[in-house]
Amino acid sequence: MAGSALNGLPASISPEEITTVWPRLLSEFELGQTISDDHYSVASLFDPEFTHVATDVSQDNVRCLLSKACILMISSAKLETERLSGFYDPDEWWMRFERVDRAVNRFMETMPPVYVGRNNEELSYLVIVHSGIYCAQIQLHSALAECEMRQAAQDGQLNDFLGGVSYMRCTEACRAAALAAALVLHMDMSNMLLFIGIAWVSVSDKLIKDIPRLRRAGKITQGREKEHQLAIIEKCMQRSAAAYPVFVETDTITEGAANFLNHTKLSLGVD
């Protein structure tokens, strides 16, 4: 499923059809102990009866974290794609939105801090996990944040859009994604999975939209903070191109981000 999403192709199997249990590490089998059965799979993330258990990832290994973060990111993207297409049942869509949103929030509440990685490989995986789940949050709430801003404008309170619930969720997701990316900024990017590019592009897109609005609203401090976040993500994407040539295709995005940053700094009169 991750490979299909990475290439912009429909998955050959729906999440609901996947019955494989969540992955375990080889080290767990090496202990010679009997491993308890795990009947949970992808559908359990969204099933009201099991979601509270399946999305509590506090005891999950990194492979399991990666799998769940990937599924949640793909599910969020699917909702966004359906919304943009205009061909969906609103009631059924909102029901699925609430289930995915609940799963994403529970995952974020219980996932381990990114800095607990014991080596570069594990740290890289945790950065991917964090980036993926924050991308899911942005995909879910970016459109709602736009609605909040339009409503604020209609109410004559455009400068107060910073207090919107979905806007704040997106802002926190961008900040957290940039902090995670900063941890691997100077590391060997070959430890990263190509899949992280989707998350970084999503974060960059949200930041590029927000910075001019903040500037127009006179929110200079918040604007500069988001510029810094965008610069971190842009640098990570550029460095990843050396390890994964396919990232060269996203250089158009990072180039645009760089030009945008330079233009913004000149406009604000900052270095």
Protein backbone atom coordinates (compact mmCIF):
# COMPACT_ATOMS: atom_id res chain seq x y z
CA MET A 1 0.00 0.00 0.00
CA ALA A 2 2.83 2.41 0.82
CA GLY A 3 4.43 1.72 -2.56
CA SER A 4 1.18 2.45 -4.36
CA ALA A 5 0.68 5.67 -2.43
CA LEU A 6 4.26 6.75 -3.10
CA ASN A 7 3.74 6.35 -6.84
CA GLY A 8 0.30 7.95 -6.88
CA LEU A 9 -1.39 4.69 -7.81
CA PRO A 10 -4.50 3.07 -6.33
CA ALA A 11 -3.75 0.25 -3.91
CA SER A 12 -4.31 -3.28 -5.18
CA ILE A 13 -6.05 -4.12 -1.91
CA SER A 14 -8.17 -2.03 0.43
CA PRO A 15 -7.11 -1.55 4.05
CA GLU A 16 -10.18 -3.44 5.21
CA GLU A 17 -9.06 -6.54 3.28
CA ILE A 18 -5.68 -6.70 5.01
CA THR A 19 -5.75 -9.30 7.80
CA THR A 20 -2.01 -9.60 8.46
CA VAL A 21 -1.28 -8.94 12.12
CA TRP A 22 1.05 -6.12 13.09
CA PRO A 23 4.76 -6.92 12.64
CA ARG A 24 7.05 -8.15 15.41
CA LEU A 25 10.82 -7.89 15.66
CA LEU A 26 13.01 -10.97 15.18
CA SER A 27 14.50 -10.30 18.60
CA GLU A 28 11.13 -11.09 20.16
CA PHE A 29 11.30 -14.63 18.77
CA GLU A 30 14.93 -15.08 19.82
CA LEU A 31 13.96 -14.98 23.48
CA GLY A 32 12.38 -18.41 23.12
CA GLN A 33 9.19 -17.29 24.78
CA THR A 34 5.70 -17.92 23.53
CA ILE A 35 4.39 -14.80 21.82
CA SER A 36 0.78 -13.97 22.49
CA ASP A 37 -1.63 -14.06 19.59
CA ASP A 38 -2.41 -10.73 18.00
CA HIS A 39 -5.72 -10.74 16.18
CA TYR A 40 -5.60 -7.03 15.41
CA SER A 41 -4.93 -5.76 11.92
CA VAL A 42 -5.62 -2.68 9.80
CA ALA A 43 -9.41 -2.63 10.31
CA SER A 44 -8.92 -2.57 14.09
CA LEU A 45 -7.48 0.96 13.84
CA PHE A 46 -10.92 2.29 12.92
CA ASP A 47 -13.26 -0.23 14.54
CA PRO A 48 -14.97 1.52 17.50
CA GLU A 49 -14.65 -1.71 19.50
CA PHE A 50 -10.87 -2.08 19.06
CA THR A 51 -9.52 1.33 18.06
CA HIS A 52 -8.61 2.35 21.63
CA VAL A 53 -6.36 -0.73 21.92
CA ALA A 54 -4.96 -0.82 18.37
CA THR A 55 -4.04 2.87 18.34
CA ASP A 56 -2.29 2.75 21.72
CA VAL A 57 1.22 2.42 20.29
CA SER A 58 3.15 3.00 23.51
CA GLN A 59 4.46 -0.59 23.50
CA ASP A 60 4.81 -1.07 19.73
CA ASN A 61 8.15 -1.74 18.04
CA VAL A 62 9.40 0.58 15.29
CA ARG A 63 8.21 -1.71 12.48
CA CYS A 64 4.73 -1.76 13.91
CA LEU A 65 4.79 2.02 14.37
CA LEU A 66 5.80 2.45 10.72
CA SER A 67 2.99 0.19 9.52
CA LYS A 68 0.31 1.97 11.52
CA ALA A 69 1.55 5.46 10.66
CA CYS A 70 1.58 4.51 6.98
CA ILE A 71 -2.00 3.22 7.10
CA LEU A 72 -3.24 6.32 8.92
CA MET A 73 -1.49 8.63 6.47
CA ILE A 74 -2.95 6.79 3.48
CA SER A 75 -6.43 6.80 5.05
CA SER A 76 -6.21 10.55 5.66
CA ALA A 77 -5.05 11.16 2.09
CA LYS A 78 -7.94 9.08 0.75
CA LEU A 79 -10.45 11.24 2.62
CA GLU A 80 -8.82 14.39 1.24
CA THR A 81 -8.84 13.00 -2.31
CA GLU A 82 -12.54 12.11 -2.05
CA ARG A 83 -13.37 15.56 -0.69
CA LEU A 84 -11.59 17.26 -3.57
CA SER A 85 -13.32 15.05 -6.14
CA GLY A 86 -16.76 16.05 -4.86
CA PHE A 87 -18.07 12.53 -5.41
CA TYR A 88 -18.83 11.21 -1.95
CA ASP A 89 -21.66 10.69 0.53
CA PRO A 90 -21.24 13.49 3.12
CA ASP A 91 -22.69 11.49 6.03
CA GLU A 92 -20.56 8.42 5.31
CA TRP A 93 -17.49 10.62 4.68
CA TRP A 94 -17.82 12.42 8.01
CA MET A 95 -18.25 9.13 9.82
CA ARG A 96 -14.98 7.85 8.35
CA PHE A 97 -13.31 11.20 9.00
CA GLU A 98 -14.16 11.01 12.70
CA ARG A 99 -12.83 7.45 12.94
CA VAL A 100 -9.55 8.30 11.23
CA ASP A 101 -9.21 11.53 13.22
CA ARG A 102 -9.76 9.63 16.47
CA ALA A 103 -7.16 7.03 15.48
CA VAL A 104 -4.60 9.68 14.50
CA ASN A 105 -5.06 11.58 17.77
CA ARG A 106 -4.74 8.41 19.87
CA PHE A 107 -1.62 7.41 17.95
CA MET A 108 -0.02 10.81 18.56
CA GLU A 109 -0.88 10.73 22.25
CA THR A 110 0.78 7.35 22.81
CA MET A 111 3.70 7.22 20.33
CA PRO A 112 7.23 7.29 21.79
CA PRO A 113 9.25 10.52 21.59
CA VAL A 114 11.33 10.73 18.45
CA TYR A 115 14.60 11.14 20.35
CA VAL A 116 14.49 7.71 22.04
CA GLY A 117 16.01 6.03 18.97
CA ARG A 118 18.99 3.94 20.12
CA ASN A 119 20.92 4.29 16.86
CA ASN A 120 20.76 6.22 13.59
CA GLU A 121 18.55 3.63 11.90
CA GLU A 122 15.99 3.56 14.71
CA LEU A 123 16.07 7.34 15.00
CA SER A 124 15.42 7.61 11.27
CA TYR A 125 12.46 5.27 11.51
CA LEU A 126 10.98 7.23 14.40
CA VAL A 127 11.36 10.46 12.42
CA ILE A 128 9.46 8.80 9.56
CA VAL A 129 6.75 7.68 11.98
CA HIS A 130 6.36 11.15 13.47
CA SER A 131 6.46 12.83 10.05
CA GLY A 132 3.85 10.43 8.67
CA ILE A 133 1.37 10.88 11.49
CA TYR A 134 1.77 14.68 11.46
CA CYS A 135 1.18 14.58 7.71
CA ALA A 136 -2.04 12.66 8.40
CA GLN A 137 -3.11 15.38 10.84
CA ILE A 138 -2.48 18.07 8.21
CA GLN A 139 -4.33 16.14 5.52
CA LEU A 140 -7.33 15.80 7.80
CA HIS A 141 -7.48 19.37 9.05
CA SER A 142 -6.01 21.59 6.34
CA ALA A 143 -9.34 22.05 4.54
CA LEU A 144 -11.14 22.65 7.84
CA ALA A 145 -8.54 25.27 8.73
CA GLU A 146 -9.31 27.01 5.43
CA CYS A 147 -13.00 27.03 6.39
CA GLU A 148 -12.13 28.57 9.75
CA MET A 149 -10.21 31.35 8.02
CA ARG A 150 -13.04 32.05 5.58
CA GLN A 151 -15.49 32.19 8.48
CA ALA A 152 -13.20 34.58 10.37
CA ALA A 153 -13.04 36.81 7.28
CA GLN A 154 -16.84 36.81 6.95
CA ASP A 155 -17.13 37.76 10.61
CA GLY A 156 -14.69 40.63 10.08
CA GLN A 157 -12.12 38.97 12.32
CA LEU A 158 -9.58 37.74 9.78
CA ASN A 159 -6.66 38.40 12.13
CA ASP A 160 -8.17 36.00 14.68
CA PHE A 161 -7.89 32.86 12.51
CA LEU A 162 -4.93 31.69 14.62
CA GLY A 163 -7.36 30.44 17.26
CA GLY A 164 -9.21 27.98 15.02
CA VAL A 165 -9.09 24.39 16.26
CA SER A 166 -8.07 22.89 12.92
CA TYR A 167 -5.63 25.71 12.20
CA MET A 168 -3.95 25.10 15.56
CA ARG A 169 -3.76 21.35 14.87
CA CYS A 170 -2.09 21.96 11.52
CA THR A 171 0.28 24.51 13.04
CA GLU A 172 1.34 22.11 15.79
CA ALA A 173 1.75 19.28 13.27
CA CYS A 174 4.04 21.43 11.09
CA ARG A 175 6.08 22.49 14.10
CA ALA A 176 6.47 18.92 15.36
CA ALA A 177 7.34 17.60 11.89
CA ALA A 178 10.06 20.24 11.51
CA LEU A 179 11.49 19.45 14.96
CA ALA A 180 11.65 15.76 14.02
CA ALA A 181 13.26 16.55 10.67
CA ALA A 182 15.89 18.71 12.38
CA LEU A 183 17.17 15.61 14.21
CA VAL A 184 18.19 13.97 10.93
CA LEU A 185 19.19 17.11 9.07
CA HIS A 186 22.89 16.23 9.13
CA MET A 187 22.58 12.44 9.15
CA ASP A 188 23.07 9.93 6.35
CA MET A 189 19.74 10.13 4.51
CA SER A 190 20.10 6.57 3.20
CA ASN A 191 18.60 5.45 6.51
CA MET A 192 15.38 7.24 5.61
CA LEU A 193 12.59 5.57 3.66
CA LEU A 194 11.50 7.22 0.44
CA PHE A 195 7.96 7.28 1.82
CA ILE A 196 8.87 10.26 4.03
CA GLY A 197 8.91 12.51 0.97
CA ILE A 198 5.10 12.47 0.88
CA ALA A 199 4.97 13.76 4.44
CA TRP A 200 7.56 16.48 3.86
CA VAL A 201 5.78 17.72 0.74
CA SER A 202 2.49 17.91 2.63
CA VAL A 203 4.07 19.89 5.48
CA SER A 204 5.85 22.23 3.06
CA ASP A 205 2.65 22.89 1.15
CA LYS A 206 0.83 23.90 4.33
CA LEU A 207 3.67 26.17 5.46
CA ILE A 208 3.91 27.88 2.06
CA LYS A 209 0.19 28.69 2.25
CA ASP A 210 0.31 29.99 5.81
CA ILE A 211 3.36 32.29 5.72
CA PRO A 212 1.90 35.00 3.40
CA ARG A 213 -1.32 35.05 5.43
CA LEU A 214 0.61 35.61 8.61
CA ARG A 215 2.62 38.37 6.96
CA ARG A 216 -0.53 40.12 5.71
CA ALA A 217 -2.07 39.84 9.17
CA GLY A 218 1.02 41.39 10.75
CA LYS A 219 1.89 38.17 12.62
CA ILE A 220 5.63 38.57 12.05
CA THR A 221 6.81 36.26 14.86
CA GLN A 222 4.56 33.40 13.80
CA GLY A 223 5.55 33.94 10.17
CA ARG A 224 9.26 33.75 10.94
CA GLU A 225 8.73 30.58 12.96
CA LYS A 226 7.04 28.92 10.00
CA GLU A 227 9.79 30.15 7.66
CA HIS A 228 12.33 28.40 9.86
CA GLN A 229 10.28 25.20 9.78
CA LEU A 230 10.03 25.38 5.99
CA ALA A 231 13.79 25.89 5.67
CA ILE A 232 14.43 22.71 7.71
CA ILE A 233 12.06 20.60 5.63
CA GLU A 234 13.46 22.03 2.39
CA LYS A 235 17.03 21.22 3.44
CA CYS A 236 16.09 17.64 4.36
CA MET A 237 14.43 17.13 0.97
CA GLN A 238 17.46 18.48 -0.86
CA ARG A 239 19.83 16.22 1.07
CA SER A 240 17.59 13.21 0.50
CA ALA A 241 17.98 13.64 -3.26
CA ALA A 242 21.58 12.42 -2.94
CA ALA A 243 20.43 9.12 -1.44
CA TYR A 244 17.24 8.78 -3.48
CA PRO A 245 17.51 10.27 -6.99
CA VAL A 246 13.73 10.16 -7.32
CA PHE A 247 13.72 13.06 -4.86
CA VAL A 248 15.10 15.15 -7.71
CA GLU A 249 11.51 15.32 -8.94
CA THR A 250 10.57 17.08 -5.73
CA ASP A 251 13.42 19.55 -6.19
CA THR A 252 10.89 21.64 -8.10
CA ILE A 253 8.99 21.89 -4.84
CA THR A 254 12.06 22.58 -2.74
CA GLU A 255 13.29 25.13 -5.28
CA GLY A 256 9.94 26.82 -5.07
CA ALA A 257 10.16 26.73 -1.28
CA ALA A 258 13.64 28.25 -1.39
CA ASN A 259 12.54 31.03 -3.73
CA PHE A 260 9.49 31.62 -1.58
CA LEU A 261 11.63 31.87 1.55
CA ASN A 262 14.05 34.32 -0.05
CA HIS A 263 11.19 36.49 -1.30
CA THR A 264 9.53 36.41 2.11
CA LYS A 265 12.72 37.37 3.93
CA LEU A 266 13.30 40.29 1.58
CA SER A 267 9.72 41.45 2.11
CA LEU A 268 10.13 41.26 5.87
CA GLY A 269 13.62 42.76 5.81
CA VAL A 270 15.23 39.83 7.65
CA ASP A 271 18.29 37.68 6.93
